[in-house]
């Protein structure tokens, strides 16, 4: 069956909005009609090769929709069910999964090497980060769909598949922010805005948002920031001035740039925690000297997918949405059609906005 999709023909090439031939679901697979898909910086990282997956590929990894059909052996969802796509399903049996660290599953992205669909001329297409959400419909492994809890609008639920899980998990699972602590969030894109909301939910006393763009201040404050700092060489000094000279208890870096990782580290108090969520390239080198590591006693940690278990965290996030503590709409800066994805990518490259949402 032919559906429209956003295809990456090759690394470094612009996305093409085109028709693809999508097969029906085989054993252990689910066909989903997309309601919405978020335009995430990770998709941009696929286009430039920062993250490598087989190409040509249908991109998009943050989505939600309705089940159209299921293959043999699928029992946890049925046609008509609302679902959230999980781009990094855990296998349950590798070393990381055995340790309970499902976000580090060694086999999470093996599905990206498979053939997902074909172009009109018969060229094989791969499923980007497993789920190929930049399409009117997709076919995914059953492990890539999670039932959507009641009370969450289906369109906005797409954001739960990456930005919100990542931001919430960075605060609650990785940094483990406690009530009354101070937090700085570097980068006010989709994940950064979700991180700000998560810090507010955790009861942080002061939440400082940092971004290169002055225009994002209103977005950041609506998400929970109590203070806003336009990024500069003096950012750590400004943050220390806001925290009685100490620095924040927790810094969360969401941009994946060496300069902002270093600034987040320097903005964290002695003995504090710095968590890096942003995905940077190999050329982004961050340096520390041995004495400062000893002297400051800070913890620096990476954070993959918010160190989350989507199956366990999704109901928790849904409860926050229903209670009004988590505002998914506040993360969306524009709602676009499928044809608007290339322009949304250009906005991301320019550092504009929070999260574009593709509505089908």
C-alpha atoms as a PDB file:
ATOM      1  CA  UNK A   1       0.000   0.000   0.000  1.00  0.00           C
ATOM      2  CA  UNK A   2       1.360   3.455  -0.924  1.00  0.00           C
ATOM      3  CA  UNK A   3       1.723   6.107   1.788  1.00  0.00           C
ATOM      4  CA  UNK A   4       3.574   9.432   1.900  1.00  0.00           C
ATOM      5  CA  UNK A   5       6.747   9.686   3.958  1.00  0.00           C
ATOM      6  CA  UNK A   6       9.879  11.759   4.584  1.00  0.00           C
ATOM      7  CA  UNK A   7      12.850   9.843   3.181  1.00  0.00           C
ATOM      8  CA  UNK A   8      16.563  10.467   3.740  1.00  0.00           C
ATOM      9  CA  UNK A   9      18.185   9.298   0.456  1.00  0.00           C
ATOM     10  CA  UNK A  10      21.778   9.526   1.731  1.00  0.00           C
ATOM     11  CA  UNK A  11      23.810  11.092   4.534  1.00  0.00           C
ATOM     12  CA  UNK A  12      24.078  14.821   3.902  1.00  0.00           C
ATOM     13  CA  UNK A  13      21.152  14.881   1.463  1.00  0.00           C
ATOM     14  CA  UNK A  14      17.942  16.841   2.025  1.00  0.00           C
ATOM     15  CA  UNK A  15      14.807  14.959   2.990  1.00  0.00           C
ATOM     16  CA  UNK A  16      12.400  14.014   0.218  1.00  0.00           C
ATOM     17  CA  UNK A  17       8.645  13.887   0.761  1.00  0.00           C
ATOM     18  CA  UNK A  18       7.538  11.027  -1.446  1.00  0.00           C
ATOM     19  CA  UNK A  19       5.297   7.998  -1.778  1.00  0.00           C
ATOM     20  CA  UNK A  20       6.549   4.649  -0.487  1.00  0.00           C
ATOM     21  CA  UNK A  21       5.220   1.107  -0.726  1.00  0.00           C
ATOM     22  CA  UNK A  22       4.546  -0.119   2.809  1.00  0.00           C
ATOM     23  CA  UNK A  23       3.833  -3.844   3.316  1.00  0.00           C
ATOM     24  CA  UNK A  24       1.259  -5.223   5.713  1.00  0.00           C
ATOM     25  CA  UNK A  25       2.287  -6.399   9.183  1.00  0.00           C
ATOM     26  CA  UNK A  26       4.030  -9.763   9.369  1.00  0.00           C
ATOM     27  CA  UNK A  27       4.254 -12.005  12.445  1.00  0.00           C
ATOM     28  CA  UNK A  28       5.104  -9.964  15.518  1.00  0.00           C
ATOM     29  CA  UNK A  29       4.465  -6.654  13.765  1.00  0.00           C
ATOM     30  CA  UNK A  30       1.923  -3.834  14.079  1.00  0.00           C
ATOM     31  CA  UNK A  31       0.648  -1.371  11.481  1.00  0.00           C
ATOM     32  CA  UNK A  32      -0.059   2.106  12.855  1.00  0.00           C
ATOM     33  CA  UNK A  33      -1.745   5.154  11.333  1.00  0.00           C
ATOM     34  CA  UNK A  34       0.197   8.136  12.667  1.00  0.00           C
ATOM     35  CA  UNK A  35      -1.690  10.950  14.388  1.00  0.00           C
ATOM     36  CA  UNK A  36       1.450  13.016  14.957  1.00  0.00           C
ATOM     37  CA  UNK A  37       5.231  12.863  15.002  1.00  0.00           C
ATOM     38  CA  UNK A  38       7.687  15.181  16.732  1.00  0.00           C
ATOM     39  CA  UNK A  39      10.602  16.697  14.810  1.00  0.00           C
ATOM     40  CA  UNK A  40      13.537  15.861  17.084  1.00  0.00           C
ATOM     41  CA  UNK A  41      17.184  16.897  16.943  1.00  0.00           C
ATOM     42  CA  UNK A  42      18.142  13.212  16.831  1.00  0.00           C
ATOM     43  CA  UNK A  43      16.555  13.033  13.371  1.00  0.00           C
ATOM     44  CA  UNK A  44      18.801  15.919  12.345  1.00  0.00           C
ATOM     45  CA  UNK A  45      21.771  13.979  13.727  1.00  0.00           C
ATOM     46  CA  UNK A  46      20.878  11.120  11.379  1.00  0.00           C
ATOM     47  CA  UNK A  47      20.930  13.375   8.325  1.00  0.00           C
ATOM     48  CA  UNK A  48      24.474  14.624   8.954  1.00  0.00           C
ATOM     49  CA  UNK A  49      25.934  11.311  10.108  1.00  0.00           C
ATOM     50  CA  UNK A  50      26.412  12.212  13.783  1.00  0.00           C
ATOM     51  CA  UNK A  51      24.307   9.128  14.480  1.00  0.00           C
ATOM     52  CA  UNK A  52      24.713   6.425  11.855  1.00  0.00           C
ATOM     53  CA  UNK A  53      21.945   4.202  10.564  1.00  0.00           C
ATOM     54  CA  UNK A  54      21.514   2.439   7.212  1.00  0.00           C
ATOM     55  CA  UNK A  55      20.213   4.646   4.398  1.00  0.00           C
ATOM     56  CA  UNK A  56      18.079   5.360   2.472  1.00  0.00           C
ATOM     57  CA  UNK A  57      15.696   5.533   5.381  1.00  0.00           C
ATOM     58  CA  UNK A  58      12.329   6.827   6.499  1.00  0.00           C
ATOM     59  CA  UNK A  59      13.096   9.101   9.450  1.00  0.00           C
ATOM     60  CA  UNK A  60      11.030  10.040  12.490  1.00  0.00           C
ATOM     61  CA  UNK A  61      11.198   8.321  15.872  1.00  0.00           C
ATOM     62  CA  UNK A  62       8.804  10.247  18.120  1.00  0.00           C
ATOM     63  CA  UNK A  63       5.195   9.432  17.294  1.00  0.00           C
ATOM     64  CA  UNK A  64       1.760   8.250  18.321  1.00  0.00           C
ATOM     65  CA  UNK A  65      -1.191   6.877  16.408  1.00  0.00           C
ATOM     66  CA  UNK A  66      -3.871   4.231  16.085  1.00  0.00           C
ATOM     67  CA  UNK A  67      -3.352   0.539  15.420  1.00  0.00           C
ATOM     68  CA  UNK A  68      -4.733  -0.505  12.025  1.00  0.00           C
ATOM     69  CA  UNK A  69      -3.720  -4.164  11.990  1.00  0.00           C
ATOM     70  CA  UNK A  70      -1.563  -6.645  13.875  1.00  0.00           C
ATOM     71  CA  UNK A  71       0.389  -9.683  12.746  1.00  0.00           C
ATOM     72  CA  UNK A  72       0.347 -13.167  14.224  1.00  0.00           C
ATOM     73  CA  UNK A  73       1.447 -13.392  17.830  1.00  0.00           C
ATOM     74  CA  UNK A  74       0.655  -9.792  18.790  1.00  0.00           C
ATOM     75  CA  UNK A  75      -1.622  -9.726  21.814  1.00  0.00           C
ATOM     76  CA  UNK A  76      -0.895  -6.553  23.821  1.00  0.00           C
ATOM     77  CA  UNK A  77      -2.546  -4.213  21.289  1.00  0.00           C
ATOM     78  CA  UNK A  78      -5.420  -4.576  18.833  1.00  0.00           C
ATOM     79  CA  UNK A  79      -6.862  -2.610  15.905  1.00  0.00           C
ATOM     80  CA  UNK A  80      -8.318   0.668  17.129  1.00  0.00           C
ATOM     81  CA  UNK A  81      -5.956   1.019  20.091  1.00  0.00           C
ATOM     82  CA  UNK A  82      -4.126   4.307  20.637  1.00  0.00           C
ATOM     83  CA  UNK A  83      -0.376   3.740  20.980  1.00  0.00           C
ATOM     84  CA  UNK A  84       2.917   5.565  21.500  1.00  0.00           C
ATOM     85  CA  UNK A  85       5.907   4.473  19.439  1.00  0.00           C
ATOM     86  CA  UNK A  86       8.995   3.291  21.336  1.00  0.00           C
ATOM     87  CA  UNK A  87      12.049   3.755  19.121  1.00  0.00           C
ATOM     88  CA  UNK A  88      14.435   1.910  21.478  1.00  0.00           C
ATOM     89  CA  UNK A  89      12.755  -1.323  22.576  1.00  0.00           C
ATOM     90  CA  UNK A  90      14.776  -3.484  24.963  1.00  0.00           C
ATOM     91  CA  UNK A  91      15.482  -7.136  24.201  1.00  0.00           C
ATOM     92  CA  UNK A  92      15.309  -8.214  27.847  1.00  0.00           C
ATOM     93  CA  UNK A  93      18.231 -10.621  27.569  1.00  0.00           C
ATOM     94  CA  UNK A  94      21.471  -8.719  26.827  1.00  0.00           C
ATOM     95  CA  UNK A  95      23.941  -7.757  29.569  1.00  0.00           C
ATOM     96  CA  UNK A  96      22.476  -4.265  30.047  1.00  0.00           C
ATOM     97  CA  UNK A  97      18.911  -5.551  30.236  1.00  0.00           C
ATOM     98  CA  UNK A  98      19.974  -8.202  32.756  1.00  0.00           C
ATOM     99  CA  UNK A  99      21.318  -5.370  34.914  1.00  0.00           C
ATOM    100  CA  UNK A 100      17.989  -3.538  34.620  1.00  0.00           C
ATOM    101  CA  UNK A 101      19.520  -0.824  32.417  1.00  0.00           C
ATOM    102  CA  UNK A 102      17.110  -1.282  29.533  1.00  0.00           C
ATOM    103  CA  UNK A 103      17.962   2.130  28.061  1.00  0.00           C
ATOM    104  CA  UNK A 104      21.411   0.726  27.208  1.00  0.00           C
ATOM    105  CA  UNK A 105      20.070  -2.412  25.476  1.00  0.00           C
ATOM    106  CA  UNK A 106      22.674  -3.714  23.023  1.00  0.00           C
ATOM    107  CA  UNK A 107      19.989  -4.766  20.549  1.00  0.00           C
ATOM    108  CA  UNK A 108      17.711  -1.725  20.748  1.00  0.00           C
ATOM    109  CA  UNK A 109      18.495  -0.477  17.237  1.00  0.00           C
ATOM    110  CA  UNK A 110      18.973  -3.746  15.369  1.00  0.00           C
ATOM    111  CA  UNK A 111      15.622  -3.186  13.662  1.00  0.00           C
ATOM    112  CA  UNK A 112      17.021  -0.139  11.859  1.00  0.00           C
ATOM    113  CA  UNK A 113      19.006  -2.464   9.598  1.00  0.00           C
ATOM    114  CA  UNK A 114      15.896  -4.202   8.274  1.00  0.00           C
ATOM    115  CA  UNK A 115      13.917  -3.376   5.149  1.00  0.00           C
ATOM    116  CA  UNK A 116      10.926  -1.288   6.137  1.00  0.00           C
ATOM    117  CA  UNK A 117       9.403  -0.307   2.812  1.00  0.00           C
ATOM    118  CA  UNK A 118      10.348   0.408  -0.805  1.00  0.00           C
ATOM    119  CA  UNK A 119      10.266   3.395  -3.096  1.00  0.00           C
ATOM    120  CA  UNK A 120       8.180   3.370  -6.264  1.00  0.00           C
ATOM    121  CA  UNK A 121      11.220   2.134  -8.227  1.00  0.00           C
ATOM    122  CA  UNK A 122      11.831  -0.752  -5.804  1.00  0.00           C
ATOM    123  CA  UNK A 123      14.678   0.716  -3.718  1.00  0.00           C
ATOM    124  CA  UNK A 124      14.823  -0.741  -0.195  1.00  0.00           C
ATOM    125  CA  UNK A 125      14.155   1.711   2.641  1.00  0.00           C
ATOM    126  CA  UNK A 126      15.243   1.249   6.243  1.00  0.00           C
ATOM    127  CA  UNK A 127      13.238   2.414   9.280  1.00  0.00           C
ATOM    128  CA  UNK A 128      15.516   5.160  10.622  1.00  0.00           C
ATOM    129  CA  UNK A 129      15.434   4.708  14.386  1.00  0.00           C
ATOM    130  CA  UNK A 130      13.215   1.620  14.163  1.00  0.00           C
ATOM    131  CA  UNK A 131       9.790   3.250  13.824  1.00  0.00           C
ATOM    132  CA  UNK A 132       9.794   5.475  10.690  1.00  0.00           C
ATOM    133  CA  UNK A 133       7.305   7.940  12.173  1.00  0.00           C
ATOM    134  CA  UNK A 134       7.610  10.572   9.413  1.00  0.00           C
ATOM    135  CA  UNK A 135       4.936   8.811   7.388  1.00  0.00           C
ATOM    136  CA  UNK A 136       1.180   8.615   7.213  1.00  0.00           C
ATOM    137  CA  UNK A 137       1.428   4.980   8.325  1.00  0.00           C
ATOM    138  CA  UNK A 138       4.188   2.709   9.575  1.00  0.00           C
ATOM    139  CA  UNK A 139       4.784  -0.972  10.311  1.00  0.00           C
ATOM    140  CA  UNK A 140       6.882  -1.712  13.398  1.00  0.00           C
ATOM    141  CA  UNK A 141       7.873  -4.567  15.672  1.00  0.00           C
ATOM    142  CA  UNK A 142       5.312  -5.200  18.400  1.00  0.00           C
ATOM    143  CA  UNK A 143       7.929  -4.202  20.985  1.00  0.00           C
ATOM    144  CA  UNK A 144       7.938  -0.713  19.453  1.00  0.00           C
ATOM    145  CA  UNK A 145       4.351   0.084  20.425  1.00  0.00           C
ATOM    146  CA  UNK A 146       3.121   0.941  23.910  1.00  0.00           C
ATOM    147  CA  UNK A 147      -0.581   1.336  24.749  1.00  0.00           C
ATOM    148  CA  UNK A 148      -1.409   4.983  25.416  1.00  0.00           C
ATOM    149  CA  UNK A 149      -2.939   5.483  28.865  1.00  0.00           C
ATOM    150  CA  UNK A 150      -6.310   7.202  28.939  1.00  0.00           C
ATOM    151  CA  UNK A 151      -6.593  10.943  29.355  1.00  0.00           C
ATOM    152  CA  UNK A 152      -3.726  11.979  27.071  1.00  0.00           C
ATOM    153  CA  UNK A 153      -4.600  13.603  23.710  1.00  0.00           C
ATOM    154  CA  UNK A 154      -3.367  11.315  20.950  1.00  0.00           C
ATOM    155  CA  UNK A 155      -1.672  14.066  18.943  1.00  0.00           C
ATOM    156  CA  UNK A 156       0.279  15.492  21.883  1.00  0.00           C
ATOM    157  CA  UNK A 157       1.115  11.969  23.067  1.00  0.00           C
ATOM    158  CA  UNK A 158       3.699  11.761  20.275  1.00  0.00           C
ATOM    159  CA  UNK A 159       6.000  13.872  22.466  1.00  0.00           C
ATOM    160  CA  UNK A 160       6.013  11.166  25.111  1.00  0.00           C
ATOM    161  CA  UNK A 161       7.985   8.932  22.764  1.00  0.00           C
ATOM    162  CA  UNK A 162      11.250  10.849  23.087  1.00  0.00           C
ATOM    163  CA  UNK A 163      11.393  14.461  24.318  1.00  0.00           C
ATOM    164  CA  UNK A 164       9.362  13.972  27.476  1.00  0.00           C
ATOM    165  CA  UNK A 165      10.769  10.566  28.396  1.00  0.00           C
ATOM    166  CA  UNK A 166      14.277  11.941  27.918  1.00  0.00           C
ATOM    167  CA  UNK A 167      13.769  15.181  29.844  1.00  0.00           C
ATOM    168  CA  UNK A 168      11.773  13.586  32.644  1.00  0.00           C
ATOM    169  CA  UNK A 169      14.229  10.733  32.968  1.00  0.00           C
ATOM    170  CA  UNK A 170      17.248  13.049  32.988  1.00  0.00           C
ATOM    171  CA  UNK A 171      15.804  14.789  36.043  1.00  0.00           C
ATOM    172  CA  UNK A 172      14.232  11.866  37.903  1.00  0.00           C
ATOM    173  CA  UNK A 173      16.421   8.894  36.949  1.00  0.00           C
ATOM    174  CA  UNK A 174      19.847  10.280  36.046  1.00  0.00           C
ATOM    175  CA  UNK A 175      20.343  13.466  38.073  1.00  0.00           C
ATOM    176  CA  UNK A 176      17.781  12.413  40.709  1.00  0.00           C
ATOM    177  CA  UNK A 177      16.772  15.985  41.504  1.00  0.00           C
ATOM    178  CA  UNK A 178      15.399  16.407  45.019  1.00  0.00           C
ATOM    179  CA  UNK A 179      12.839  18.936  46.232  1.00  0.00           C
ATOM    180  CA  UNK A 180      14.469  22.236  47.145  1.00  0.00           C
ATOM    181  CA  UNK A 181      17.541  21.773  44.931  1.00  0.00           C
ATOM    182  CA  UNK A 182      18.648  24.232  42.267  1.00  0.00           C
ATOM    183  CA  UNK A 183      18.824  23.191  38.619  1.00  0.00           C
ATOM    184  CA  UNK A 184      20.250  24.683  35.417  1.00  0.00           C
ATOM    185  CA  UNK A 185      19.082  23.405  32.021  1.00  0.00           C
ATOM    186  CA  UNK A 186      21.294  24.162  29.026  1.00  0.00           C
ATOM    187  CA  UNK A 187      19.299  24.261  25.775  1.00  0.00           C
ATOM    188  CA  UNK A 188      15.624  25.206  25.502  1.00  0.00           C
ATOM    189  CA  UNK A 189      14.614  22.990  22.593  1.00  0.00           C
ATOM    190  CA  UNK A 190      12.035  20.225  22.929  1.00  0.00           C
ATOM    191  CA  UNK A 191      14.057  18.086  25.353  1.00  0.00           C
ATOM    192  CA  UNK A 192      15.209  21.138  27.311  1.00  0.00           C
ATOM    193  CA  UNK A 193      11.644  22.375  27.756  1.00  0.00           C
ATOM    194  CA  UNK A 194      10.590  18.909  28.930  1.00  0.00           C
ATOM    195  CA  UNK A 195      13.534  18.921  31.356  1.00  0.00           C
ATOM    196  CA  UNK A 196      12.418  22.274  32.774  1.00  0.00           C
ATOM    197  CA  UNK A 197       8.936  20.894  33.392  1.00  0.00           C
ATOM    198  CA  UNK A 198      10.400  17.792  35.009  1.00  0.00           C
ATOM    199  CA  UNK A 199      12.542  19.918  37.334  1.00  0.00           C
ATOM    200  CA  UNK A 200       9.447  21.844  38.367  1.00  0.00           C
ATOM    201  CA  UNK A 201       7.576  18.568  39.014  1.00  0.00           C
ATOM    202  CA  UNK A 202      10.526  17.387  41.136  1.00  0.00           C
ATOM    203  CA  UNK A 203      10.139  20.478  43.330  1.00  0.00           C
ATOM    204  CA  UNK A 204      13.339  22.297  42.376  1.00  0.00           C
ATOM    205  CA  UNK A 205      13.556  25.619  44.222  1.00  0.00           C
ATOM    206  CA  UNK A 206      15.289  27.526  41.439  1.00  0.00           C
ATOM    207  CA  UNK A 207      15.383  26.521  37.782  1.00  0.00           C
ATOM    208  CA  UNK A 208      17.719  28.393  35.453  1.00  0.00           C
ATOM    209  CA  UNK A 209      17.227  27.998  31.705  1.00  0.00           C
ATOM    210  CA  UNK A 210      20.195  28.725  29.430  1.00  0.00           C
ATOM    211  CA  UNK A 211      20.042  29.143  25.672  1.00  0.00           C
ATOM    212  CA  UNK A 212      21.806  31.078  22.933  1.00  0.00           C
ATOM    213  CA  UNK A 213      18.500  32.593  21.811  1.00  0.00           C
ATOM    214  CA  UNK A 214      16.884  35.425  23.805  1.00  0.00           C
ATOM    215  CA  UNK A 215      13.618  34.666  22.000  1.00  0.00           C
ATOM    216  CA  UNK A 216      13.190  31.394  23.913  1.00  0.00           C
ATOM    217  CA  UNK A 217      12.803  33.042  27.306  1.00  0.00           C
ATOM    218  CA  UNK A 218       9.004  33.030  27.261  1.00  0.00           C
ATOM    219  CA  UNK A 219       8.920  29.338  26.259  1.00  0.00           C
ATOM    220  CA  UNK A 220      11.361  28.486  29.037  1.00  0.00           C
ATOM    221  CA  UNK A 221       9.496  30.399  31.725  1.00  0.00           C
ATOM    222  CA  UNK A 222       6.193  28.822  30.729  1.00  0.00           C
ATOM    223  CA  UNK A 223       7.856  25.424  31.109  1.00  0.00           C
ATOM    224  CA  UNK A 224       9.007  26.210  34.645  1.00  0.00           C
ATOM    225  CA  UNK A 225      12.186  28.309  34.509  1.00  0.00           C
ATOM    226  CA  UNK A 226      12.479  30.849  37.318  1.00  0.00           C
ATOM    227  CA  UNK A 227      15.465  32.528  35.646  1.00  0.00           C
ATOM    228  CA  UNK A 228      16.743  32.840  32.082  1.00  0.00           C
ATOM    229  CA  UNK A 229      20.348  33.325  30.981  1.00  0.00           C
ATOM    230  CA  UNK A 230      21.434  34.012  27.414  1.00  0.00           C
ATOM    231  CA  UNK A 231      24.451  31.780  26.854  1.00  0.00           C
ATOM    232  CA  UNK A 232      27.836  33.496  26.770  1.00  0.00           C
ATOM    233  CA  UNK A 233      31.358  32.997  28.045  1.00  0.00           C
ATOM    234  CA  UNK A 234      30.176  34.353  31.383  1.00  0.00           C
ATOM    235  CA  UNK A 235      27.280  31.921  31.876  1.00  0.00           C
ATOM    236  CA  UNK A 236      28.810  29.960  34.799  1.00  0.00           C
ATOM    237  CA  UNK A 237      29.543  33.213  36.589  1.00  0.00           C
ATOM    238  CA  UNK A 238      25.948  34.409  36.083  1.00  0.00           C
ATOM    239  CA  UNK A 239      24.571  31.146  37.429  1.00  0.00           C
ATOM    240  CA  UNK A 240      26.812  31.257  40.491  1.00  0.00           C
ATOM    241  CA  UNK A 241      25.573  34.805  41.129  1.00  0.00           C
ATOM    242  CA  UNK A 242      22.011  33.469  41.155  1.00  0.00           C
ATOM    243  CA  UNK A 243      22.904  30.762  43.675  1.00  0.00           C
ATOM    244  CA  UNK A 244      24.777  32.662  46.402  1.00  0.00           C
ATOM    245  CA  UNK A 245      28.088  32.009  44.680  1.00  0.00           C
ATOM    246  CA  UNK A 246      27.893  28.231  44.901  1.00  0.00           C
ATOM    247  CA  UNK A 247      26.520  27.092  41.558  1.00  0.00           C
ATOM    248  CA  UNK A 248      23.489  24.880  41.050  1.00  0.00           C
ATOM    249  CA  UNK A 249      23.063  21.446  42.600  1.00  0.00           C
ATOM    250  CA  UNK A 250      22.312  19.952  39.177  1.00  0.00           C
ATOM    251  CA  UNK A 251      23.084  20.983  35.599  1.00  0.00           C
ATOM    252  CA  UNK A 252      21.446  19.200  32.667  1.00  0.00           C
ATOM    253  CA  UNK A 253      23.008  19.782  29.240  1.00  0.00           C
ATOM    254  CA  UNK A 254      20.589  19.240  26.349  1.00  0.00           C
ATOM    255  CA  UNK A 255      22.483  20.698  23.374  1.00  0.00           C
ATOM    256  CA  UNK A 256      25.335  18.248  22.834  1.00  0.00           C
ATOM    257  CA  UNK A 257      27.993  20.929  22.336  1.00  0.00           C
ATOM    258  CA  UNK A 258      31.422  20.953  23.953  1.00  0.00           C
ATOM    259  CA  UNK A 259      31.119  24.586  25.028  1.00  0.00           C
ATOM    260  CA  UNK A 260      27.763  24.051  26.754  1.00  0.00           C
ATOM    261  CA  UNK A 261      28.891  20.796  28.416  1.00  0.00           C
ATOM    262  CA  UNK A 262      31.871  22.638  29.831  1.00  0.00           C
ATOM    263  CA  UNK A 263      29.656  25.553  30.927  1.00  0.00           C
ATOM    264  CA  UNK A 264      27.200  23.158  32.592  1.00  0.00           C
ATOM    265  CA  UNK A 265      30.086  21.559  34.485  1.00  0.00           C
ATOM    266  CA  UNK A 266      31.428  24.908  35.643  1.00  0.00           C
ATOM    267  CA  UNK A 267      27.935  26.048  36.702  1.00  0.00           C
ATOM    268  CA  UNK A 268      27.509  23.078  39.051  1.00  0.00           C
ATOM    269  CA  UNK A 269      28.395  23.519  42.708  1.00  0.00           C
ATOM    270  CA  UNK A 270      31.181  21.620  44.410  1.00  0.00           C
ATOM    271  CA  UNK A 271      29.871  18.092  44.919  1.00  0.00           C
ATOM    272  CA  UNK A 272      26.977  18.629  42.490  1.00  0.00           C
ATOM    273  CA  UNK A 273      25.822  16.578  39.489  1.00  0.00           C
ATOM    274  CA  UNK A 274      26.163  17.372  35.796  1.00  0.00           C
ATOM    275  CA  UNK A 275      24.103  15.247  33.391  1.00  0.00           C
ATOM    276  CA  UNK A 276      24.685  15.320  29.628  1.00  0.00           C
ATOM    277  CA  UNK A 277      21.622  14.528  27.523  1.00  0.00           C
ATOM    278  CA  UNK A 278      22.579  16.238  24.251  1.00  0.00           C
ATOM    279  CA  UNK A 279      24.029  14.152  21.420  1.00  0.00           C
ATOM    280  CA  UNK A 280      27.244  15.717  20.178  1.00  0.00           C
ATOM    281  CA  UNK A 281      29.605  14.749  17.376  1.00  0.00           C
ATOM    282  CA  UNK A 282      33.029  13.167  17.725  1.00  0.00           C
ATOM    283  CA  UNK A 283      34.569  16.536  16.923  1.00  0.00           C
ATOM    284  CA  UNK A 284      33.080  18.026  20.107  1.00  0.00           C
ATOM    285  CA  UNK A 285      35.981  17.504  22.502  1.00  0.00           C
ATOM    286  CA  UNK A 286      35.537  18.418  26.182  1.00  0.00           C
ATOM    287  CA  UNK A 287      38.621  18.692  28.384  1.00  0.00           C
ATOM    288  CA  UNK A 288      39.167  18.653  32.155  1.00  0.00           C
ATOM    289  CA  UNK A 289      42.336  18.805  34.176  1.00  0.00           C
ATOM    290  CA  UNK A 290      43.060  16.254  36.876  1.00  0.00           C
ATOM    291  CA  UNK A 291      43.156  18.805  39.689  1.00  0.00           C
ATOM    292  CA  UNK A 292      39.693  20.250  39.008  1.00  0.00           C
ATOM    293  CA  UNK A 293      38.133  16.793  38.935  1.00  0.00           C
ATOM    294  CA  UNK A 294      39.538  16.146  42.412  1.00  0.00           C
ATOM    295  CA  UNK A 295      38.881  19.609  43.795  1.00  0.00           C
ATOM    296  CA  UNK A 296      35.292  20.124  42.679  1.00  0.00           C
ATOM    297  CA  UNK A 297      34.091  16.596  43.510  1.00  0.00           C
ATOM    298  CA  UNK A 298      31.376  16.862  40.873  1.00  0.00           C
ATOM    299  CA  UNK A 299      29.724  13.926  39.138  1.00  0.00           C
ATOM    300  CA  UNK A 300      29.603  14.044  35.328  1.00  0.00           C
ATOM    301  CA  UNK A 301      27.352  11.475  33.702  1.00  0.00           C
ATOM    302  CA  UNK A 302      25.882  10.676  30.322  1.00  0.00           C
ATOM    303  CA  UNK A 303      22.170  10.019  29.960  1.00  0.00           C
ATOM    304  CA  UNK A 304      20.658   7.820  27.235  1.00  0.00           C
ATOM    305  CA  UNK A 305      16.918   8.191  26.538  1.00  0.00           C
ATOM    306  CA  UNK A 306      16.542   9.665  30.024  1.00  0.00           C
ATOM    307  CA  UNK A 307      17.757   6.378  31.579  1.00  0.00           C
ATOM    308  CA  UNK A 308      14.089   5.479  31.244  1.00  0.00           C
ATOM    309  CA  UNK A 309      12.086   2.311  30.991  1.00  0.00           C
ATOM    310  CA  UNK A 310       9.316   3.484  28.645  1.00  0.00           C
ATOM    311  CA  UNK A 311       6.870   0.752  29.644  1.00  0.00           C
ATOM    312  CA  UNK A 312       7.132   1.800  33.298  1.00  0.00           C
ATOM    313  CA  UNK A 313       7.512   5.546  32.834  1.00  0.00           C
ATOM    314  CA  UNK A 314       4.712   6.130  30.310  1.00  0.00           C
ATOM    315  CA  UNK A 315       1.897   5.583  32.864  1.00  0.00           C
ATOM    316  CA  UNK A 316       3.692   7.920  35.301  1.00  0.00           C
ATOM    317  CA  UNK A 317       3.948  10.647  32.674  1.00  0.00           C
ATOM    318  CA  UNK A 318       0.299  10.164  31.723  1.00  0.00           C
ATOM    319  CA  UNK A 319      -0.687  10.680  35.354  1.00  0.00           C
ATOM    320  CA  UNK A 320       1.232  13.965  35.397  1.00  0.00           C
ATOM    321  CA  UNK A 321      -0.563  15.036  32.197  1.00  0.00           C
ATOM    322  CA  UNK A 322      -3.995  14.209  33.622  1.00  0.00           C
ATOM    323  CA  UNK A 323      -3.188  16.086  36.828  1.00  0.00           C
ATOM    324  CA  UNK A 324      -2.093  19.170  34.882  1.00  0.00           C
ATOM    325  CA  UNK A 325       1.494  19.019  36.133  1.00  0.00           C
ATOM    326  CA  UNK A 326       2.890  18.195  32.682  1.00  0.00           C
ATOM    327  CA  UNK A 327       1.798  20.392  29.772  1.00  0.00           C
ATOM    328  CA  UNK A 328       2.645  18.673  26.494  1.00  0.00           C
ATOM    329  CA  UNK A 329       1.254  21.551  24.457  1.00  0.00           C
ATOM    330  CA  UNK A 330       3.830  23.904  25.987  1.00  0.00           C
ATOM    331  CA  UNK A 331       6.576  21.944  24.221  1.00  0.00           C
ATOM    332  CA  UNK A 332       5.116  22.524  20.764  1.00  0.00           C
ATOM    333  CA  UNK A 333       6.146  25.687  18.947  1.00  0.00           C
ATOM    334  CA  UNK A 334       4.404  24.879  15.673  1.00  0.00           C
ATOM    335  CA  UNK A 335       2.122  22.244  14.208  1.00  0.00           C
ATOM    336  CA  UNK A 336       2.980  21.394  10.621  1.00  0.00           C
ATOM    337  CA  UNK A 337       2.002  19.063   7.812  1.00  0.00           C
ATOM    338  CA  UNK A 338       4.316  16.348   6.477  1.00  0.00           C
ATOM    339  CA  UNK A 339       5.523  18.699   3.738  1.00  0.00           C
ATOM    340  CA  UNK A 340       6.776  21.119   6.397  1.00  0.00           C
ATOM    341  CA  UNK A 341       9.430  18.767   7.801  1.00  0.00           C
ATOM    342  CA  UNK A 342      12.357  20.033   5.660  1.00  0.00           C
ATOM    343  CA  UNK A 343      11.710  23.620   6.796  1.00  0.00           C
ATOM    344  CA  UNK A 344      11.459  22.451  10.420  1.00  0.00           C
ATOM    345  CA  UNK A 345      14.885  20.827  10.037  1.00  0.00           C
ATOM    346  CA  UNK A 346      16.301  24.152   8.895  1.00  0.00           C
ATOM    347  CA  UNK A 347      14.842  25.836  11.977  1.00  0.00           C
ATOM    348  CA  UNK A 348      16.571  23.262  14.172  1.00  0.00           C
ATOM    349  CA  UNK A 349      19.891  23.898  12.433  1.00  0.00           C
ATOM    350  CA  UNK A 350      19.399  27.598  13.174  1.00  0.00           C
ATOM    351  CA  UNK A 351      18.569  26.897  16.834  1.00  0.00           C
ATOM    352  CA  UNK A 352      15.011  28.199  16.573  1.00  0.00           C
ATOM    353  CA  UNK A 353      11.910  27.119  18.480  1.00  0.00           C
ATOM    354  CA  UNK A 354      11.174  24.201  20.779  1.00  0.00           C
ATOM    355  CA  UNK A 355       9.451  21.316  19.036  1.00  0.00           C
ATOM    356  CA  UNK A 356       7.635  21.168  15.697  1.00  0.00           C
ATOM    357  CA  UNK A 357       4.860  18.597  15.655  1.00  0.00           C
ATOM    358  CA  UNK A 358       3.833  16.928  12.399  1.00  0.00           C
ATOM    359  CA  UNK A 359       0.079  16.403  12.459  1.00  0.00           C
ATOM    360  CA  UNK A 360      -1.335  13.902   9.969  1.00  0.00           C
END
